C-alpha cells in the first residue's frame, strides 16, 4: 500500500446531526456535493478532495483504491468520527465499497452512486489510454469528450449548473492527479468485497449511464446482503448532480433524515 497521509487534506463540513461523509468522483472535488447542502438540516455533511484533486496535492507515487480507503479510515480516527453514513460516486463509490467491507464498524449506512466493483477489460484499457492522454495533452483537452459521459444531451445543451461545475473542475484538475486516479481505477478489483459489506446499502444509477454501470448497479444490489437499487431516470454518470431534485429525497429517505 502507498502511504497517503491525511495531513494535506482540507476537511469541509456543514450542518448538524449524524455524520455523512461524501466521496467525489474522478476529475471532481468537494464542490461536486454543493447540491447536497440541504441535507445539512439532518446530518453533519463532511467532504474533502481526493489526492490530486482540488486542494489535495498530487501523490508522489501511484496508489490504489485500498490506499484511499485507508486514508479515509485515518481521517475518521483523526476527526474522532466513530461511525458515519458514507456515500460515494464513481471513484468515490469504489472507495466506499472497500471502506465498508474493511472497516464495517465505521459505516452506518452506505450509498453507492454510478459506480462499479471492477471495470471490464475494455474499460481498463480505456483508463490506461485516458491517463496517457491527460499526461500528454492535459485534462482540459479531454473535457468536451467527457461531458457526454457524465450528462444527458439535454443537460449539456441547457448548460445546467452541474455541467458548468464539472467543466470547470475538470479543467483545473492536474494532469498527473487525473492520470494516477485513472490508473487506480484500472487496477481496482472489488468483486470479492461486496458480499462482505454489512451496512444497509442504497445503490443509485442513472438510467442512461453506460451499460457496464447499469449492470454493476444490479449486481451490487443483488450481491451486497442488505442492499436495494434505485434508478434516476434520464441521467447518465452524474445522475445525482443532474437531478438533485430526485436524488435528495432518495438519500434523505434512505439515510433516515426525515
Protein backbone atom coordinates (compact mmCIF):
# COMPACT_ATOMS: atom_id res chain seq x y z
CA UNK A 1 0.00 0.00 0.00
CA UNK A 2 1.01 3.60 -0.58
CA UNK A 3 1.21 5.95 2.38
CA UNK A 4 -1.33 8.73 1.73
CA UNK A 5 -1.05 11.00 4.78
CA UNK A 6 -4.16 12.85 5.88
CA UNK A 7 -2.16 15.96 6.72
CA UNK A 8 -2.68 17.70 3.35
CA UNK A 9 -6.43 17.08 3.39
CA UNK A 10 -8.74 20.05 3.96
CA UNK A 11 -11.96 18.88 5.55
CA UNK A 12 -15.20 20.69 4.73
CA UNK A 13 -18.32 20.24 6.84
CA UNK A 14 -21.76 21.73 7.17
CA UNK A 15 -24.90 21.05 9.16
CA UNK A 16 -25.65 19.20 12.36
CA UNK A 17 -26.57 15.63 13.18
CA UNK A 18 -25.17 12.18 12.42
CA UNK A 19 -22.10 12.44 10.16
CA UNK A 20 -22.50 11.82 6.44
CA UNK A 21 -19.18 11.52 4.58
CA UNK A 22 -19.32 12.19 0.81
CA UNK A 23 -16.68 10.99 -1.69
CA UNK A 24 -16.47 12.61 -5.13
CA UNK A 25 -15.52 11.10 -8.48
CA UNK A 26 -12.65 11.39 -10.94
CA UNK A 27 -11.80 14.91 -12.04
CA UNK A 28 -14.09 16.49 -9.45
CA UNK A 29 -13.53 17.93 -5.98
CA UNK A 30 -15.61 18.50 -2.85
CA UNK A 31 -17.64 21.13 -4.74
CA UNK A 32 -19.42 18.26 -6.51
CA UNK A 33 -21.51 17.92 -3.36
CA UNK A 34 -22.74 21.50 -3.14
CA UNK A 35 -26.16 20.24 -4.24
CA UNK A 36 -26.32 18.16 -1.04
CA UNK A 37 -26.21 21.22 1.25
CA UNK A 38 -29.93 20.83 2.15
CA UNK A 39 -29.06 17.57 3.91
CA UNK A 40 -27.29 19.71 6.50
CA UNK A 41 -30.61 20.14 8.29
CA UNK A 42 -30.41 16.48 9.35
CA UNK A 43 -26.74 15.48 9.05
CA UNK A 44 -23.24 16.75 9.63
CA UNK A 45 -22.19 16.63 5.97
CA UNK A 46 -18.44 16.07 5.56
CA UNK A 47 -16.41 16.13 2.35
CA UNK A 48 -12.85 16.60 1.12
CA UNK A 49 -10.74 16.45 -2.04
CA UNK A 50 -9.24 13.11 -3.03
CA UNK A 51 -5.48 13.02 -3.81
CA UNK A 52 -4.52 15.01 -6.89
CA UNK A 53 -7.90 16.78 -6.95
CA UNK A 54 -8.89 20.22 -5.69
CA UNK A 55 -6.53 21.42 -2.97
CA UNK A 56 -5.14 17.96 -2.12
CA UNK A 57 -1.61 17.51 -3.53
CA UNK A 58 -0.80 15.04 -6.28
CA UNK A 59 0.74 11.91 -4.70
CA UNK A 60 4.40 11.28 -5.38
CA UNK A 61 3.74 7.71 -6.48
CA UNK A 62 0.91 5.50 -7.75
CA UNK A 63 -1.80 4.39 -5.34
CA UNK A 64 -4.82 2.10 -5.30
CA UNK A 65 -8.40 2.26 -4.13
CA UNK A 66 -7.34 0.42 -0.97
CA UNK A 67 -4.98 3.31 -0.16
CA UNK A 68 -7.83 5.82 -0.47
CA UNK A 69 -9.89 3.59 1.82
CA UNK A 70 -7.14 3.51 4.43
CA UNK A 71 -6.75 7.28 4.12
CA UNK A 72 -10.47 7.62 4.89
CA UNK A 73 -10.11 5.37 7.95
CA UNK A 74 -7.22 7.55 9.13
CA UNK A 75 -9.41 10.62 8.65
CA UNK A 76 -12.16 9.05 10.78
CA UNK A 77 -9.64 8.49 13.57
CA UNK A 78 -8.13 11.96 13.29
CA UNK A 79 -11.55 13.61 13.35
CA UNK A 80 -12.91 11.29 16.07
CA UNK A 81 -15.71 10.07 13.81
CA UNK A 82 -16.80 6.87 15.46
CA UNK A 83 -19.39 5.90 12.87
CA UNK A 84 -20.94 7.60 9.86
CA UNK A 85 -23.07 7.24 6.79
CA UNK A 86 -20.80 7.06 3.71
CA UNK A 87 -21.74 7.91 0.12
CA UNK A 88 -19.52 7.89 -2.96
CA UNK A 89 -19.93 8.37 -6.68
CA UNK A 90 -17.82 6.64 -9.35
CA UNK A 91 -14.23 6.64 -7.99
CA UNK A 92 -15.64 7.66 -4.61
CA UNK A 93 -18.03 4.73 -4.85
CA UNK A 94 -15.16 2.27 -5.21
CA UNK A 95 -13.50 3.81 -2.16
CA UNK A 96 -16.79 3.50 -0.27
CA UNK A 97 -17.15 -0.17 -1.25
CA UNK A 98 -13.68 -1.07 0.02
CA UNK A 99 -14.12 1.05 3.15
CA UNK A 100 -17.44 -0.57 4.08
CA UNK A 101 -16.02 -4.05 3.53
CA UNK A 102 -12.82 -3.48 5.53
CA UNK A 103 -13.98 -1.04 8.22
CA UNK A 104 -17.55 -2.20 8.91
CA UNK A 105 -17.63 -0.75 12.42
CA UNK A 106 -17.25 2.74 10.95
CA UNK A 107 -20.14 2.59 8.46
CA UNK A 108 -23.76 3.04 9.45
CA UNK A 109 -25.43 3.24 6.02
CA UNK A 110 -23.78 3.13 2.60
CA UNK A 111 -24.74 4.82 -0.68
CA UNK A 112 -23.04 3.75 -3.93
CA UNK A 113 -23.69 6.05 -6.89
CA UNK A 114 -22.89 5.31 -10.54
CA UNK A 115 -20.04 3.04 -9.57
CA UNK A 116 -18.70 -0.44 -10.28
CA UNK A 117 -16.68 -3.09 -8.41
CA UNK A 118 -14.36 -3.89 -11.33
CA UNK A 119 -14.09 -2.45 -14.82
CA UNK A 120 -14.36 -4.60 -17.92
CA UNK A 121 -11.16 -5.36 -19.84
CA UNK A 122 -12.19 -2.83 -22.48
CA UNK A 123 -12.74 -0.11 -19.89
CA UNK A 124 -9.45 -0.90 -18.13
CA UNK A 125 -7.70 -0.30 -21.45
CA UNK A 126 -9.64 2.95 -21.80
CA UNK A 127 -8.38 4.12 -18.40
CA UNK A 128 -4.79 3.48 -19.45
CA UNK A 129 -5.32 5.42 -22.65
CA UNK A 130 -7.03 8.28 -20.84
CA UNK A 131 -4.18 8.52 -18.33
CA UNK A 132 -1.72 8.81 -21.21
CA UNK A 133 -3.88 11.45 -22.93
CA UNK A 134 -4.11 13.51 -19.74
CA UNK A 135 -0.35 13.44 -19.29
CA UNK A 136 0.28 14.37 -22.92
CA UNK A 137 -2.41 16.98 -23.52
CA UNK A 138 -3.76 18.00 -20.09
CA UNK A 139 -7.22 17.32 -18.72
CA UNK A 140 -8.73 20.46 -20.26
CA UNK A 141 -8.26 18.93 -23.72
CA UNK A 142 -10.49 15.99 -22.68
CA UNK A 143 -13.40 17.97 -21.25
CA UNK A 144 -15.75 18.19 -24.21
CA UNK A 145 -15.40 14.47 -24.85
CA UNK A 146 -16.06 13.66 -21.20
CA UNK A 147 -19.18 15.77 -20.63
CA UNK A 148 -21.49 13.45 -22.67
CA UNK A 149 -20.36 10.55 -20.49
CA UNK A 150 -21.44 12.40 -17.35
CA UNK A 151 -24.56 14.24 -18.52
CA UNK A 152 -27.54 13.82 -20.82
CA UNK A 153 -27.57 15.72 -24.09
CA UNK A 154 -30.40 17.89 -22.75
CA UNK A 155 -28.39 18.88 -19.67
CA UNK A 156 -25.37 19.79 -21.78
CA UNK A 157 -27.50 21.80 -24.24
CA UNK A 158 -29.09 23.68 -21.33
CA UNK A 159 -25.67 24.19 -19.72
CA UNK A 160 -27.11 23.41 -16.30
CA UNK A 161 -25.18 24.27 -13.14
CA UNK A 162 -23.81 20.74 -12.83
CA UNK A 163 -22.37 20.86 -16.34
CA UNK A 164 -20.73 24.21 -15.65
CA UNK A 165 -19.28 22.86 -12.41
CA UNK A 166 -17.84 19.72 -14.00
CA UNK A 167 -16.36 21.59 -16.94
CA UNK A 168 -14.53 23.93 -14.55
CA UNK A 169 -13.48 21.15 -12.18
CA UNK A 170 -12.02 19.00 -14.94
CA UNK A 171 -10.20 21.97 -16.45
CA UNK A 172 -8.39 22.72 -13.20
CA UNK A 173 -7.53 19.09 -12.33
CA UNK A 174 -3.76 18.47 -12.57
CA UNK A 175 -2.83 16.11 -15.40
CA UNK A 176 -0.82 13.80 -13.15
CA UNK A 177 -3.51 13.78 -10.46
CA UNK A 178 -6.08 12.73 -13.05
CA UNK A 179 -3.76 10.16 -14.63
CA UNK A 180 -2.91 8.48 -11.31
CA UNK A 181 -6.61 8.22 -10.48
CA UNK A 182 -7.29 6.67 -13.91
CA UNK A 183 -4.64 4.05 -13.19
CA UNK A 184 -6.12 3.34 -9.75
CA UNK A 185 -9.49 2.75 -11.40
CA UNK A 186 -7.97 0.43 -13.98
CA UNK A 187 -6.35 -1.69 -11.26
CA UNK A 188 -9.37 -1.85 -8.94
CA UNK A 189 -10.95 -5.26 -8.35
CA UNK A 190 -13.55 -5.27 -5.57
CA UNK A 191 -15.71 -8.19 -6.69
CA UNK A 192 -14.81 -10.14 -3.56
CA UNK A 193 -15.65 -7.22 -1.27
CA UNK A 194 -19.37 -6.82 -1.99
CA UNK A 195 -20.54 -9.91 -0.04
CA UNK A 196 -18.57 -8.62 2.97
CA UNK A 197 -20.45 -5.31 3.17
CA UNK A 198 -22.70 -5.42 6.24
CA UNK A 199 -24.12 -1.90 6.14
CA UNK A 200 -27.59 -1.31 4.68
CA UNK A 201 -26.82 -0.08 1.17
CA UNK A 202 -28.57 2.06 -1.43
CA UNK A 203 -27.26 1.70 -5.00
CA UNK A 204 -28.15 4.63 -7.28
CA UNK A 205 -27.53 4.76 -11.02
CA UNK A 206 -28.52 6.98 -13.91
CA UNK A 207 -30.90 5.15 -16.22
CA UNK A 208 -28.80 6.16 -19.22
CA UNK A 209 -25.35 5.60 -17.72
CA UNK A 210 -23.06 3.27 -19.66
CA UNK A 211 -24.24 -0.34 -19.74
CA UNK A 212 -21.39 -1.54 -17.50
CA UNK A 213 -22.52 0.79 -14.70
CA UNK A 214 -26.19 -0.13 -15.01
CA UNK A 215 -25.25 -3.81 -14.89
CA UNK A 216 -22.93 -3.14 -11.93
CA UNK A 217 -25.74 -1.42 -10.04
CA UNK A 218 -27.93 -4.51 -10.37
CA UNK A 219 -25.01 -6.78 -9.42
CA UNK A 220 -24.15 -4.72 -6.33
CA UNK A 221 -27.76 -4.63 -5.19
CA UNK A 222 -28.04 -8.40 -5.63
CA UNK A 223 -24.67 -9.25 -4.05
CA UNK A 224 -24.45 -6.91 -1.04
CA UNK A 225 -26.50 -8.71 1.63
CA UNK A 226 -28.74 -5.78 2.64
CA UNK A 227 -28.97 -3.61 -0.46
CA UNK A 228 -31.50 -2.12 -2.81
CA UNK A 229 -31.20 -0.22 -6.08
CA UNK A 230 -32.93 2.88 -7.43
CA UNK A 231 -32.64 4.46 -10.86
CA UNK A 232 -32.57 8.20 -11.58
CA UNK A 233 -34.36 8.49 -14.92
CA UNK A 234 -32.99 10.38 -17.90
CA UNK A 235 -29.49 10.78 -16.46
CA UNK A 236 -26.03 9.43 -17.17
CA UNK A 237 -22.95 9.17 -14.93
CA UNK A 238 -23.55 12.34 -12.89
CA UNK A 239 -27.08 11.25 -12.06
CA UNK A 240 -27.35 12.93 -8.66
CA UNK A 241 -25.76 16.15 -9.93
CA UNK A 242 -28.08 16.36 -12.95
CA UNK A 243 -31.25 15.63 -10.97
CA UNK A 244 -30.73 16.62 -7.33
CA UNK A 245 -34.50 17.12 -7.11
CA UNK A 246 -34.84 13.34 -7.47
CA UNK A 247 -31.64 12.32 -5.69
CA UNK A 248 -32.03 14.27 -2.46
CA UNK A 249 -35.37 12.73 -1.46
CA UNK A 250 -33.96 9.25 -2.11
CA UNK A 251 -30.91 10.00 0.03
CA UNK A 252 -32.94 11.61 2.80
CA UNK A 253 -35.41 8.73 2.99
CA UNK A 254 -32.71 6.04 2.97
CA UNK A 255 -30.47 7.75 5.50
CA UNK A 256 -33.37 8.43 7.82
CA UNK A 257 -33.24 12.19 7.61
CA UNK A 258 -36.98 12.70 7.89
